[in-house]
Amino acid sequence: YQPTYVFEFLPAYLASARTNRNVGLYRALVVLVELIDTLTGDGYYDKGMRVITVNLQDLVDFTQKVESSGAFMAVHVHSSIVARQNRLDFIVSAKHKQYTTHQNWSDDPTHEMRALMRRMHRRVHIVNRELEELAYSRTCGLRVD
């Protein structure tokens, strides 16, 4: 089974993204999907836990201040997930926070490659799942449109 994730400060994160012209809702959702992918793929949960709270306050603060869309899109690569008693905290690295006011920020190519590989892995996973569903529906004689 997969646990349920409760994101603290999610409304504040999305509101900050909408009001920051360098971020926007689309980029905020892409980063959120990357976070969810990390949480589910890297096993950030205790097998007995059904609900896990993820604190996004640090991400909210970064989203409000960042002046470069590139720096925002790389936030997932430059952050960590820290387990605290009954929750997980999404923490943006101190070094990456220093780039909030850099309008012409560019990432280290190794970090860019890591982020690109994660996105490609996620897309391949989606295509594989769709192909499996299609094959299953055909073996069951279901019509697929």
Protein backbone atom coordinates (compact mmCIF):
# COMPACT_ATOMS: atom_id res chain seq x y z
CA TYR A 1 0.00 0.00 0.00
CA GLN A 2 0.97 3.64 -0.37
CA PRO A 3 0.44 6.05 2.49
CA THR A 4 -1.58 9.23 2.21
CA TYR A 5 0.48 12.41 2.17
CA VAL A 6 -0.88 15.55 3.80
CA PHE A 7 0.96 18.65 2.64
CA GLU A 8 1.08 21.40 5.25
CA PHE A 9 1.10 24.88 3.70
CA LEU A 10 0.05 23.58 0.27
CA PRO A 11 -2.49 26.40 -0.25
CA ALA A 12 0.16 28.97 0.71
CA TYR A 13 2.63 27.34 -1.70
CA LEU A 14 0.20 27.47 -4.61
CA ALA A 15 -0.87 31.02 -3.76
CA SER A 16 2.77 32.15 -3.60
CA ALA A 17 3.45 30.49 -6.94
CA ARG A 18 0.50 32.22 -8.59
CA THR A 19 1.57 35.66 -7.36
CA ASN A 20 5.25 35.25 -8.27
CA ARG A 21 5.56 35.85 -12.02
CA ASN A 22 8.85 33.90 -12.05
CA VAL A 23 7.13 30.76 -10.78
CA GLY A 24 3.47 30.47 -11.77
CA LEU A 25 1.08 27.63 -11.11
CA TYR A 26 2.44 25.32 -13.83
CA ARG A 27 6.01 25.34 -12.46
CA ALA A 28 4.71 24.93 -8.92
CA LEU A 29 2.76 21.83 -9.93
CA VAL A 30 5.79 20.37 -11.74
CA VAL A 31 7.88 20.77 -8.58
CA LEU A 32 5.06 19.28 -6.49
CA VAL A 33 4.88 16.24 -8.78
CA GLU A 34 8.66 15.81 -8.46
CA LEU A 35 8.29 15.91 -4.68
CA ILE A 36 5.49 13.33 -4.72
CA ASP A 37 7.57 11.14 -7.04
CA THR A 38 10.48 11.32 -4.58
CA LEU A 39 8.25 10.55 -1.60
CA THR A 40 6.67 7.52 -3.22
CA GLY A 41 9.72 6.26 -5.07
CA ASP A 42 12.39 6.67 -2.43
CA GLY A 43 10.42 5.12 0.44
CA TYR A 44 10.13 8.08 2.77
CA TYR A 45 7.67 6.31 5.01
CA ASP A 46 7.49 3.79 7.77
CA LYS A 47 5.63 0.69 6.62
CA GLY A 48 3.12 1.04 9.45
CA MET A 49 2.22 4.68 8.74
CA ARG A 50 -0.94 5.36 6.78
CA VAL A 51 -0.80 9.18 6.85
CA ILE A 52 2.39 11.20 6.51
CA THR A 53 2.50 14.95 6.97
CA VAL A 54 4.92 16.87 4.76
CA ASN A 55 5.82 20.39 5.87
CA LEU A 56 6.25 22.73 2.87
CA GLN A 57 6.90 25.96 4.81
CA ASP A 58 10.50 26.28 3.59
CA LEU A 59 9.35 25.77 0.00
CA VAL A 60 6.67 28.45 0.49
CA ASP A 61 9.29 30.93 1.72
CA PHE A 62 11.56 30.15 -1.24
CA THR A 63 8.66 30.41 -3.72
CA GLN A 64 7.71 33.85 -2.42
CA LYS A 65 11.23 35.25 -2.83
CA VAL A 66 12.76 33.56 -5.87
CA GLU A 67 13.44 35.82 -8.85
CA SER A 68 14.54 33.21 -11.38
CA SER A 69 12.31 30.53 -12.87
CA GLY A 70 15.43 28.40 -13.41
CA ALA A 71 16.37 28.59 -9.74
CA PHE A 72 12.81 27.66 -8.81
CA MET A 73 12.69 24.67 -11.16
CA ALA A 74 15.94 23.38 -9.65
CA VAL A 75 14.70 23.67 -6.07
CA HIS A 76 13.89 19.97 -5.89
CA VAL A 77 17.48 19.02 -6.75
CA HIS A 78 18.83 21.47 -4.18
CA SER A 79 16.68 20.38 -1.28
CA SER A 80 16.32 17.53 1.13
CA ILE A 81 13.56 15.75 2.98
CA VAL A 82 14.20 15.57 6.70
CA ALA A 83 12.30 13.18 8.95
CA ARG A 84 11.13 14.72 12.21
CA GLN A 85 9.03 12.85 14.77
CA ASN A 86 5.67 12.53 12.99
CA ARG A 87 6.35 14.44 9.79
CA LEU A 88 8.72 15.13 6.93
CA ASP A 89 10.15 18.60 6.30
CA PHE A 90 11.03 19.76 2.78
CA ILE A 91 14.18 21.85 3.30
CA VAL A 92 15.74 24.04 0.61
CA SER A 93 19.53 24.07 0.94
CA ALA A 94 21.06 27.21 2.41
CA LYS A 95 23.29 27.59 -0.65
CA HIS A 96 20.30 27.48 -3.01
CA LYS A 97 18.43 30.05 -0.89
CA GLN A 98 21.26 32.48 -1.64
CA TYR A 99 20.18 32.45 -5.30
CA THR A 100 16.67 33.78 -4.67
CA THR A 101 17.62 37.25 -5.87
CA HIS A 102 19.68 36.11 -8.89
CA GLN A 103 17.60 36.77 -11.98
CA ASN A 104 20.03 35.11 -14.42
CA TRP A 105 20.71 31.95 -12.47
CA SER A 106 21.94 28.76 -14.14
CA ASP A 107 22.46 25.39 -12.54
CA ASP A 108 25.48 23.15 -12.53
CA PRO A 109 25.14 20.82 -15.55
CA THR A 110 25.29 17.73 -13.32
CA HIS A 111 22.28 18.95 -11.36
CA GLU A 112 20.43 19.79 -14.56
CA MET A 113 21.09 16.27 -15.86
CA ARG A 114 19.80 14.74 -12.64
CA ALA A 115 16.55 16.70 -12.88
CA LEU A 116 16.16 15.82 -16.55
CA MET A 117 16.72 12.13 -15.83
CA ARG A 118 14.05 12.19 -13.10
CA ARG A 119 11.54 13.74 -15.50
CA MET A 120 12.36 11.21 -18.20
CA HIS A 121 12.06 8.34 -15.72
CA ARG A 122 8.63 9.59 -14.66
CA ARG A 123 7.45 9.85 -18.28
CA VAL A 124 8.75 6.37 -19.13
CA HIS A 125 6.93 5.02 -16.08
CA ILE A 126 3.68 6.62 -17.23
CA VAL A 127 4.06 5.21 -20.76
CA ASN A 128 4.82 1.74 -19.35
CA ARG A 129 1.75 1.87 -17.13
CA GLU A 130 -0.45 2.91 -20.05
CA LEU A 131 0.95 0.11 -22.22
CA GLU A 132 0.30 -2.43 -19.46
CA GLU A 133 -3.28 -1.20 -19.11
CA LEU A 134 -3.77 -1.42 -22.86
CA ALA A 135 -2.37 -4.96 -23.01
CA TYR A 136 -4.53 -6.01 -20.07
CA SER A 137 -7.68 -4.56 -21.63
CA ARG A 138 -6.96 -6.38 -24.89
CA THR A 139 -6.44 -9.72 -23.14
CA CYS A 140 -9.73 -9.23 -21.33
CA GLY A 141 -11.50 -8.37 -24.58
CA LEU A 142 -12.29 -4.81 -23.53
CA ARG A 143 -12.61 -2.11 -26.16
CA VAL A 144 -10.10 0.72 -25.84
CA ASP A 145 -10.74 4.03 -27.55
